[in-house]
Amino acid sequence: MPPGPRSGRCGSWRCGVAEIWDLWEARRGALQAASPLAAVAAGLPAPAEIPPREWLYGTSLIRRFVSILVAPGGVGKSSLALAQALALATGADFLGERVHHSVRVWVLNLEDPREELHRRVAALMLRHRIEPAAVAGRFFLHSGRERRVTVAALGPDGAVIHPDRDAIIAAAREAEIGCITVDPFVKSHALEENSNPHMDAAATAWAEIAEATGAAVQLVHHVRKGTPGVAPDVDAARGGKALTDAARAALLLTPMTPAEAEQLGVAEAERWRHVRLDDAKANMAPRASRAAWFRLDTINLGNATALYPHGDNVAAIAAWKAESVWSRLSPEACNGALDQIARGPEPGLLYAAHRRGRGAERWAGRVLMEDFSLSEGQAAEVIGTWLKTGLLMETAYRDSAQRKTRYGVAVVDARRPSAARPARKGAEP
């Protein structure tokens, strides 16, 4: 092999990153020397003749490209990756995402024993009522406990080598695999995680596998330990940023925050079960009420024995949608709440429009919280909507007891819900 241009030879993995990168480039250049570079005319076809992108699952998994799923530990990313694999294998959109083409899926779980993987798959199949016949011959599973898989490592001379790349390509072609899930990515290579050149080399190896097999490749990856209470973003992915930059699509799975639980009406004791999935490469994440949400349900496998009489309880992920606060408020209920708001907290006082400042104790949303068990966030959504639509109007009035001007809300009867409107004073019954 030709020597690297900086040092000639690197004797161990401890050599400088620049030297390793030079050696890797030198080796790649030597392999490409037999194929001289030539400028080829574009020969652009008509737009209608260009084949469409071969999406398999939503807009996250596409043939011949690498995608990445990033999440903190313990939030259900492995369960989500397995569920997506089952959706692709069966063609069923039980997670709420469109399956464009059902394909054979190969899950390379490089961390857990096969028995544990069987438990997770069984829990998902029970939760989503998937029959074994639906996945027979279409769902392939590998445990890294039985055989390690390494697509990129440092060779004896310090250059990047690809021990299992060709073996994966051959196996995937033989089984006609359409999607490969790698969980976790960090177990699929033996390179320096914080080195951008190394992460680019590892990502490139998986991209070459995707290209050679025509399969979509999804890499499941961890985030760094962050600040408590602060939701991570794609830049929090562990290691060099070259990995996330190399991915065609990047998804970010995060736990529900206390503020989101408040807004969506989820009890604190149940918050840990709820996670949201966002396009990590989007400029702005959608509002919590519009994000893709999932819930981790607990499924009993029914595998009790005399020694373990309760059997195994395993988490299975499922699509979840927050109950709309408006589904709990009929026209009659709304008018009942509006009647209370119109009467005020006590004679001579009006409820306040906002929950801040000195009027917080008189906030109109407290009526909704007490009568309908809404969370503070849900009550704020309702009051805010009523103010915006003109059903409630903020007005100044004279507080005779305090002898000062206050601000409160008045109900605009003409904008009340049509059902069960209160009779106007003096009107015939």
Protein backbone atom coordinates (compact mmCIF):
# COMPACT_ATOMS: atom_id res chain seq x y z
CA MET A 1 0.00 0.00 0.00
CA PRO A 2 1.35 3.45 -0.79
CA PRO A 3 2.42 5.41 2.28
CA GLY A 4 0.37 8.29 3.64
CA PRO A 5 1.65 11.69 2.53
CA ARG A 6 2.25 12.95 6.08
CA SER A 7 4.03 10.23 8.02
CA GLY A 8 4.46 7.24 5.78
CA ARG A 9 3.06 4.71 8.24
CA CYS A 10 0.95 4.70 11.35
CA GLY A 11 1.81 1.95 13.77
CA SER A 12 -1.27 1.89 16.02
CA TRP A 13 -4.75 3.26 16.53
CA ARG A 14 -3.25 5.99 18.70
CA CYS A 15 -1.79 7.78 15.68
CA GLY A 16 -3.13 11.22 14.87
CA VAL A 17 -6.48 11.56 13.17
CA ALA A 18 -4.89 13.44 10.27
CA GLU A 19 -2.46 10.58 9.60
CA ILE A 20 -5.26 7.99 9.69
CA TRP A 21 -7.32 10.02 7.29
CA ASP A 22 -4.38 10.39 4.90
CA LEU A 23 -3.78 6.64 4.95
CA TRP A 24 -7.42 5.88 4.31
CA GLU A 25 -7.49 8.32 1.39
CA ALA A 26 -4.30 6.81 0.01
CA ARG A 27 -5.74 3.30 0.13
CA ARG A 28 -8.98 4.41 -1.49
CA GLY A 29 -7.03 6.23 -4.17
CA ALA A 30 -5.00 3.10 -4.91
CA LEU A 31 -8.17 1.04 -5.30
CA GLN A 32 -9.67 3.62 -7.64
CA ALA A 33 -6.53 3.98 -9.72
CA ALA A 34 -7.71 1.24 -12.08
CA SER A 35 -10.82 3.32 -12.90
CA PRO A 36 -9.57 6.59 -14.39
CA LEU A 37 -11.74 9.63 -13.80
CA ALA A 38 -13.45 11.04 -16.86
CA ALA A 39 -15.90 13.89 -17.39
CA VAL A 40 -19.14 12.38 -18.67
CA ALA A 41 -21.82 14.40 -20.39
CA ALA A 42 -24.92 14.68 -18.23
CA GLY A 43 -27.37 13.45 -20.87
CA LEU A 44 -30.29 14.79 -18.85
CA PRO A 45 -33.57 12.94 -19.42
CA ALA A 46 -36.95 14.63 -19.55
CA PRO A 47 -38.26 15.28 -16.01
CA ALA A 48 -41.16 12.86 -16.49
CA GLU A 49 -38.67 10.10 -17.37
CA ILE A 50 -36.67 10.42 -14.14
CA PRO A 51 -37.61 7.55 -11.78
CA PRO A 52 -39.17 8.75 -8.50
CA ARG A 53 -37.35 8.26 -5.24
CA GLU A 54 -37.91 4.76 -3.89
CA TRP A 55 -39.44 5.54 -0.53
CA LEU A 56 -40.29 2.50 1.53
CA TYR A 57 -41.62 3.96 4.78
CA GLY A 58 -42.99 7.48 5.08
CA THR A 59 -40.26 9.94 4.21
CA SER A 60 -37.62 8.40 6.46
CA LEU A 61 -36.59 5.12 4.81
CA ILE A 62 -35.57 5.10 1.16
CA ARG A 63 -33.77 2.49 -0.93
CA ARG A 64 -30.01 2.93 -1.38
CA PHE A 65 -29.75 5.59 1.34
CA VAL A 66 -28.83 5.70 5.02
CA SER A 67 -31.25 7.10 7.61
CA ILE A 68 -30.60 7.61 11.30
CA LEU A 69 -32.83 7.35 14.38
CA VAL A 70 -31.40 9.32 17.31
CA ALA A 71 -32.70 9.13 20.88
CA PRO A 72 -31.61 9.19 24.53
CA GLY A 73 -31.33 5.87 26.30
CA GLY A 74 -34.44 4.24 27.66
CA VAL A 75 -37.08 6.09 25.65
CA GLY A 76 -38.06 3.24 23.32
CA LYS A 77 -35.92 3.69 20.21
CA SER A 78 -35.26 -0.06 19.89
CA SER A 79 -38.97 -0.77 20.23
CA LEU A 80 -39.72 1.85 17.56
CA ALA A 81 -37.07 0.47 15.20
CA LEU A 82 -38.44 -3.07 15.62
CA ALA A 83 -42.01 -1.84 15.10
CA GLN A 84 -41.00 -0.03 11.91
CA ALA A 85 -39.30 -3.20 10.71
CA LEU A 86 -42.46 -5.22 11.36
CA ALA A 87 -44.56 -2.61 9.57
CA LEU A 88 -42.31 -2.88 6.50
CA ALA A 89 -42.28 -6.68 6.61
CA THR A 90 -46.08 -6.94 6.88
CA GLY A 91 -47.10 -3.87 4.89
CA ALA A 92 -49.35 -2.77 7.78
CA ASP A 93 -49.33 0.92 8.77
CA PHE A 94 -50.14 0.29 12.44
CA LEU A 95 -47.77 3.08 13.51
CA GLY A 96 -49.67 5.66 11.48
CA GLU A 97 -46.93 6.05 8.85
CA ARG A 98 -47.48 5.02 5.24
CA VAL A 99 -45.77 1.85 4.05
CA HIS A 100 -45.07 2.55 0.38
CA HIS A 101 -43.63 -0.88 -0.36
CA SER A 102 -43.52 -3.95 1.87
CA VAL A 103 -40.06 -5.53 1.81
CA ARG A 104 -38.02 -8.13 3.64
CA VAL A 105 -36.30 -6.63 6.67
CA TRP A 106 -33.11 -7.63 8.43
CA VAL A 107 -32.67 -6.33 11.97
CA LEU A 108 -29.06 -6.40 13.14
CA ASN A 109 -29.38 -5.95 16.88
CA LEU A 110 -25.79 -5.88 18.05
CA GLU A 111 -26.43 -5.55 21.76
CA ASP A 112 -29.06 -7.97 23.09
CA PRO A 113 -29.36 -11.77 23.21
CA ARG A 114 -31.78 -13.46 20.83
CA GLU A 115 -34.21 -14.43 23.60
CA GLU A 116 -34.63 -10.79 24.61
CA LEU A 117 -35.22 -9.82 20.99
CA HIS A 118 -37.87 -12.53 20.77
CA ARG A 119 -39.61 -11.01 23.80
CA ARG A 120 -39.66 -7.53 22.24
CA VAL A 121 -40.93 -8.78 18.89
CA ALA A 122 -43.57 -10.94 20.59
CA ALA A 123 -44.81 -7.96 22.61
CA LEU A 124 -45.15 -5.87 19.44
CA MET A 125 -46.94 -8.66 17.59
CA LEU A 126 -49.38 -9.12 20.48
CA ARG A 127 -49.99 -5.38 20.79
CA HIS A 128 -50.66 -4.91 17.08
CA ARG A 129 -52.31 -8.31 16.46
CA ILE A 130 -49.76 -9.48 13.93
CA GLU A 131 -50.05 -13.14 13.05
CA PRO A 132 -46.82 -15.17 12.72
CA ALA A 133 -47.73 -16.03 9.13
CA ALA A 134 -47.55 -12.33 8.23
CA VAL A 135 -43.82 -12.15 8.98
CA ALA A 136 -42.76 -15.67 7.99
CA GLY A 137 -39.84 -15.42 5.56
CA ARG A 138 -39.97 -11.61 5.62
CA PHE A 139 -38.49 -10.68 8.99
CA PHE A 140 -34.85 -11.57 9.71
CA LEU A 141 -33.14 -11.14 13.07
CA HIS A 142 -29.48 -11.15 14.08
CA SER A 143 -28.06 -10.93 17.60
CA GLY A 144 -24.63 -9.44 18.13
CA ARG A 145 -24.24 -11.78 21.11
CA GLU A 146 -23.93 -14.65 18.64
CA ARG A 147 -21.67 -12.93 16.11
CA ARG A 148 -20.25 -9.44 16.11
CA VAL A 149 -20.70 -7.30 13.02
CA THR A 150 -18.02 -4.74 12.15
CA VAL A 151 -18.27 -2.69 8.97
CA ALA A 152 -15.36 -0.37 9.74
CA ALA A 153 -12.25 -0.67 11.89
CA LEU A 154 -8.58 0.25 11.89
CA GLY A 155 -6.22 -2.20 10.26
CA PRO A 156 -2.72 -3.08 11.51
CA ASP A 157 -1.30 -0.11 9.63
CA GLY A 158 -3.87 2.31 11.03
CA ALA A 159 -5.91 2.59 7.85
CA VAL A 160 -9.67 2.00 7.82
CA ILE A 161 -10.72 -1.50 6.80
CA HIS A 162 -14.18 -3.05 6.35
CA PRO A 163 -14.20 -6.57 7.82
CA ASP A 164 -17.89 -7.46 7.38
CA ARG A 165 -19.07 -5.09 4.66
CA ASP A 166 -18.90 -7.58 1.82
CA ALA A 167 -20.39 -10.37 3.95
CA ILE A 168 -23.40 -8.20 4.79
CA ILE A 169 -23.86 -7.32 1.13
CA ALA A 170 -23.74 -10.98 0.11
CA ALA A 171 -26.16 -12.10 2.84
CA ALA A 172 -28.61 -9.27 2.13
CA ARG A 173 -28.60 -10.01 -1.59
CA GLU A 174 -29.15 -13.72 -1.02
CA ALA A 175 -32.15 -13.08 1.26
CA GLU A 176 -33.46 -10.26 -0.98
CA ILE A 177 -33.45 -7.81 1.91
CA GLY A 178 -35.09 -4.43 1.27
CA CYS A 179 -34.31 -2.74 4.60
CA ILE A 180 -31.51 -3.19 7.15
CA THR A 181 -31.87 -1.88 10.70
CA VAL A 182 -28.67 -1.52 12.74
CA ASP A 183 -29.16 -1.16 16.49
CA PRO A 184 -27.05 0.39 17.88
CA PHE A 185 -24.80 1.94 15.27
CA VAL A 186 -21.92 2.28 17.73
CA LYS A 187 -21.61 -1.51 17.91
CA SER A 188 -21.20 -1.82 14.14
CA HIS A 189 -17.77 -0.22 13.96
CA ALA A 190 -14.52 -0.05 15.91
CA LEU A 191 -13.53 3.51 15.06
CA GLU A 192 -13.11 6.65 17.16
CA GLU A 193 -16.62 7.96 17.80
CA ASN A 194 -15.55 11.59 18.26
CA SER A 195 -13.60 11.69 15.01
CA ASN A 196 -15.50 13.17 12.07
CA PRO A 197 -13.27 11.38 9.50
CA HIS A 198 -13.90 8.07 11.28
CA MET A 199 -17.66 8.59 11.53
CA ASP A 200 -17.74 9.56 7.88
CA ALA A 201 -15.89 6.32 7.06
CA ALA A 202 -18.36 4.23 9.07
CA ALA A 203 -21.38 5.99 7.57
CA THR A 204 -19.89 5.59 4.10
CA ALA A 205 -19.51 1.86 4.66
CA TRP A 206 -23.23 1.56 5.42
CA ALA A 207 -24.04 3.79 2.43
CA GLU A 208 -22.02 1.44 0.23
CA ILE A 209 -24.01 -1.49 1.64
CA ALA A 210 -27.24 0.37 0.87
CA GLU A 211 -26.11 1.07 -2.68
CA ALA A 212 -24.85 -2.46 -3.35
CA THR A 213 -28.00 -4.14 -2.01
CA GLY A 214 -30.61 -1.59 -3.04
CA ALA A 215 -31.85 -1.62 0.55
CA ALA A 216 -32.73 1.18 2.92
CA VAL A 217 -30.42 1.29 5.95
CA GLN A 218 -31.49 2.70 9.31
CA LEU A 219 -28.86 3.34 11.98
CA VAL A 220 -30.10 3.59 15.58
CA HIS A 221 -27.90 5.93 17.58
CA HIS A 222 -27.64 7.41 21.08
CA VAL A 223 -27.40 11.04 22.13
CA ARG A 224 -24.83 12.47 24.51
CA LYS A 225 -25.78 13.05 28.11
CA GLY A 226 -27.35 16.48 28.14
CA THR A 227 -28.74 19.02 30.55
CA PRO A 228 -31.58 17.65 32.69
CA GLY A 229 -34.94 19.01 31.58
CA VAL A 230 -33.61 20.20 28.20
CA ALA A 231 -34.82 18.23 25.18
CA PRO A 232 -31.95 17.05 22.94
CA ASP A 233 -31.70 17.77 19.23
CA VAL A 234 -29.93 16.01 16.37
CA ASP A 235 -26.70 17.87 17.17
CA ALA A 236 -26.70 16.04 20.50
CA ALA A 237 -26.03 12.73 18.72
CA ARG A 238 -22.98 11.04 20.20
CA GLY A 239 -19.71 11.37 18.37
CA GLY A 240 -18.66 13.27 15.26
CA LYS A 241 -21.29 15.28 13.44
CA ALA A 242 -20.28 13.67 10.15
CA LEU A 243 -22.65 10.77 10.95
CA THR A 244 -25.83 12.84 11.05
CA ASP A 245 -24.64 14.94 8.12
CA ALA A 246 -24.22 11.79 6.02
CA ALA A 247 -27.76 10.53 6.67
CA ARG A 248 -30.43 11.10 4.04
CA ALA A 249 -33.06 11.40 6.77
CA ALA A 250 -32.69 11.82 10.53
CA LEU A 251 -35.41 11.15 13.10
CA LEU A 252 -35.25 12.30 16.71
CA LEU A 253 -37.15 10.43 19.43
CA THR A 254 -37.51 12.29 22.73
CA PRO A 255 -39.47 11.79 25.94
CA MET A 256 -42.49 13.93 26.69
CA THR A 257 -41.52 16.99 28.71
CA PRO A 258 -43.49 18.19 31.76
CA ALA A 259 -44.71 21.18 29.74
CA GLU A 260 -45.95 18.93 26.93
CA ALA A 261 -47.69 16.65 29.41
CA GLU A 262 -49.41 19.69 30.90
CA GLN A 263 -50.52 20.88 27.48
CA LEU A 264 -51.76 17.47 26.33
CA GLY A 265 -53.42 16.47 29.58
CA VAL A 266 -51.13 13.56 30.47
CA ALA A 267 -50.73 12.74 34.16
CA GLU A 268 -47.18 13.04 35.50
CA ALA A 269 -47.21 9.36 36.50
CA GLU A 270 -47.89 8.41 32.86
CA ARG A 271 -45.55 10.90 31.19
CA TRP A 272 -42.65 8.44 30.89
CA ARG A 273 -44.72 6.28 28.56
CA HIS A 274 -45.05 9.00 25.92
CA VAL A 275 -42.43 9.91 23.32
CA ARG A 276 -42.45 12.17 20.29
CA LEU A 277 -40.82 11.64 16.90
CA ASP A 278 -39.57 14.61 14.90
CA ASP A 279 -37.74 15.17 11.66
CA ALA A 280 -34.37 16.04 13.14
CA LYS A 281 -33.29 17.87 10.00
CA ALA A 282 -36.34 20.13 9.87
CA ASN A 283 -35.69 23.77 10.68
CA MET A 284 -38.52 23.87 13.18
CA ALA A 285 -40.23 21.06 15.06
CA PRO A 286 -44.03 21.01 14.94
CA ARG A 287 -46.06 22.03 17.94
CA ALA A 288 -46.57 19.33 20.55
CA SER A 289 -50.20 18.88 19.52
CA ARG A 290 -49.13 18.19 15.92
CA ALA A 291 -46.04 16.04 16.50
CA ALA A 292 -45.98 12.28 15.90
CA TRP A 293 -46.55 10.79 19.34
CA PHE A 294 -46.14 7.23 20.58
CA ARG A 295 -46.98 5.44 23.79
CA LEU A 296 -45.05 2.58 25.39
CA ASP A 297 -47.66 0.04 26.45
CA THR A 298 -46.85 -2.79 28.82
CA ILE A 299 -47.65 -6.21 27.33
CA ASN A 300 -47.67 -9.45 29.29
CA LEU A 301 -46.34 -12.30 27.15
CA GLY A 302 -48.39 -14.96 28.93
CA ASN A 303 -45.23 -17.01 29.50
CA ALA A 304 -45.69 -17.65 33.22
CA THR A 305 -43.95 -20.63 34.78
CA ALA A 306 -43.92 -22.13 38.26
CA LEU A 307 -40.65 -20.31 38.94
CA TYR A 308 -41.84 -17.01 37.38
CA PRO A 309 -45.62 -16.99 37.96
CA HIS A 310 -46.13 -13.51 36.48
CA GLY A 311 -44.23 -14.10 33.26
CA ASP A 312 -42.63 -11.24 31.33
CA ASN A 313 -44.01 -7.73 30.93
CA VAL A 314 -42.43 -6.04 27.90
CA ALA A 315 -42.83 -2.56 26.45
CA ALA A 316 -44.42 -2.31 23.01
CA ILE A 317 -44.65 0.99 21.18
CA ALA A 318 -47.87 2.15 19.56
CA ALA A 319 -49.09 5.31 17.86
CA TRP A 320 -50.76 7.71 20.28
CA LYS A 321 -52.86 10.78 19.76
CA ALA A 322 -53.77 13.17 22.52
CA GLU A 323 -57.45 13.53 23.21
CA SER A 324 -58.57 16.91 21.96
CA VAL A 325 -59.67 19.15 24.78
CA TRP A 326 -62.67 20.12 22.64
CA SER A 327 -63.92 16.54 22.61
CA ARG A 328 -64.57 16.94 26.33
CA LEU A 329 -66.53 20.17 25.94
CA SER A 330 -70.00 19.83 24.45
CA PRO A 331 -71.94 22.99 23.53
CA GLU A 332 -73.94 22.55 26.72
CA ALA A 333 -70.78 22.20 28.81
CA CYS A 334 -69.21 25.25 27.16
CA ASN A 335 -72.27 27.35 27.88
CA GLY A 336 -72.33 26.17 31.48
CA ALA A 337 -68.72 27.26 31.90
CA LEU A 338 -69.43 30.56 30.13
CA ASP A 339 -72.33 31.19 32.51
CA GLN A 340 -69.98 30.81 35.47
CA ILE A 341 -67.39 33.07 33.86
CA ALA A 342 -70.08 35.69 33.17
CA ARG A 343 -71.13 35.67 36.84
CA GLY A 344 -67.56 36.31 37.97
CA PRO A 345 -65.74 34.88 40.99
CA GLU A 346 -67.84 37.06 43.33
CA PRO A 347 -70.29 39.95 43.00
CA GLY A 348 -68.69 43.00 41.47
CA LEU A 349 -65.65 41.16 40.08
CA LEU A 350 -64.87 39.67 36.68
CA TYR A 351 -62.60 36.76 35.89
CA ALA A 352 -59.19 37.69 34.46
CA ALA A 353 -58.16 36.82 30.92
CA HIS A 354 -54.62 35.81 31.81
CA ARG A 355 -52.98 33.64 34.45
CA ARG A 356 -50.17 36.03 35.20
CA GLY A 357 -49.79 39.01 37.48
CA ARG A 358 -52.18 40.07 40.19
CA GLY A 359 -55.20 38.60 38.44
CA ALA A 360 -53.85 35.05 38.50
CA GLU A 361 -56.19 33.96 41.29
CA ARG A 362 -59.14 35.24 39.23
CA TRP A 363 -58.07 33.56 35.97
CA ALA A 364 -61.07 32.34 33.97
CA GLY A 365 -59.33 29.06 33.16
CA ARG A 366 -59.77 27.93 36.76
CA VAL A 367 -63.47 27.41 36.05
CA LEU A 368 -62.56 24.88 33.37
CA MET A 369 -59.97 23.19 35.57
CA GLU A 370 -62.42 22.74 38.44
CA ASP A 371 -65.52 21.76 36.44
CA PHE A 372 -63.97 19.60 33.70
CA SER A 373 -60.69 18.46 35.27
CA LEU A 374 -58.67 20.11 32.52
CA SER A 375 -54.98 20.68 33.03
CA GLU A 376 -53.75 24.24 33.28
CA GLY A 377 -52.33 24.01 29.77
CA GLN A 378 -55.62 22.73 28.34
CA ALA A 379 -57.61 25.42 30.13
CA ALA A 380 -55.22 28.04 28.74
CA GLU A 381 -55.82 26.67 25.22
CA VAL A 382 -59.60 26.99 25.60
CA ILE A 383 -59.52 30.49 27.11
CA GLY A 384 -57.02 31.61 24.49
CA THR A 385 -59.25 30.29 21.70
CA TRP A 386 -62.33 32.00 23.13
CA LEU A 387 -60.46 35.29 23.36
CA LYS A 388 -59.18 34.95 19.80
CA THR A 389 -62.60 34.15 18.34
CA GLY A 390 -64.33 36.93 20.28
CA LEU A 391 -66.44 34.68 22.49
CA LEU A 392 -64.66 36.29 25.42
CA MET A 393 -63.71 39.96 25.39
CA GLU A 394 -61.32 41.66 27.76
CA THR A 395 -62.86 44.79 29.18
CA ALA A 396 -62.17 47.42 31.83
CA TYR A 397 -64.54 47.76 34.76
CA ARG A 398 -64.74 49.55 38.10
CA ASP A 399 -64.04 47.52 41.24
CA SER A 400 -66.26 49.35 43.72
CA ALA A 401 -64.82 47.54 46.75
CA GLN A 402 -61.23 48.44 45.89
CA ARG A 403 -62.20 51.70 44.21
CA LYS A 404 -60.01 51.14 41.20
CA THR A 405 -60.17 50.09 37.57
CA ARG A 406 -59.59 46.42 36.80
CA TYR A 407 -59.55 44.34 33.66
CA GLY A 408 -61.60 41.20 33.23
CA VAL A 409 -63.46 39.14 30.63
CA ALA A 410 -67.03 39.51 29.49
CA VAL A 411 -68.94 36.82 27.57
CA VAL A 412 -70.21 37.85 24.12
CA ASP A 413 -73.52 35.98 24.03
CA ALA A 414 -73.91 36.35 20.28
CA ARG A 415 -70.84 34.13 19.79
CA ARG A 416 -71.85 31.36 22.18
CA PRO A 417 -72.11 27.77 20.89
CA SER A 418 -75.47 27.31 19.15
CA ALA A 419 -76.82 24.61 21.47
CA ALA A 420 -78.30 25.43 24.86
CA ARG A 421 -77.77 29.19 24.72
CA PRO A 422 -79.04 30.86 27.88
CA ALA A 423 -82.30 32.76 27.56
CA ARG A 424 -81.93 36.53 27.49
CA LYS A 425 -83.42 38.50 30.34
CA GLY A 426 -87.00 39.42 29.64
CA ALA A 427 -87.37 36.88 26.81
CA GLU A 428 -90.33 34.53 26.67
CA PRO A 429 -89.56 30.98 27.90
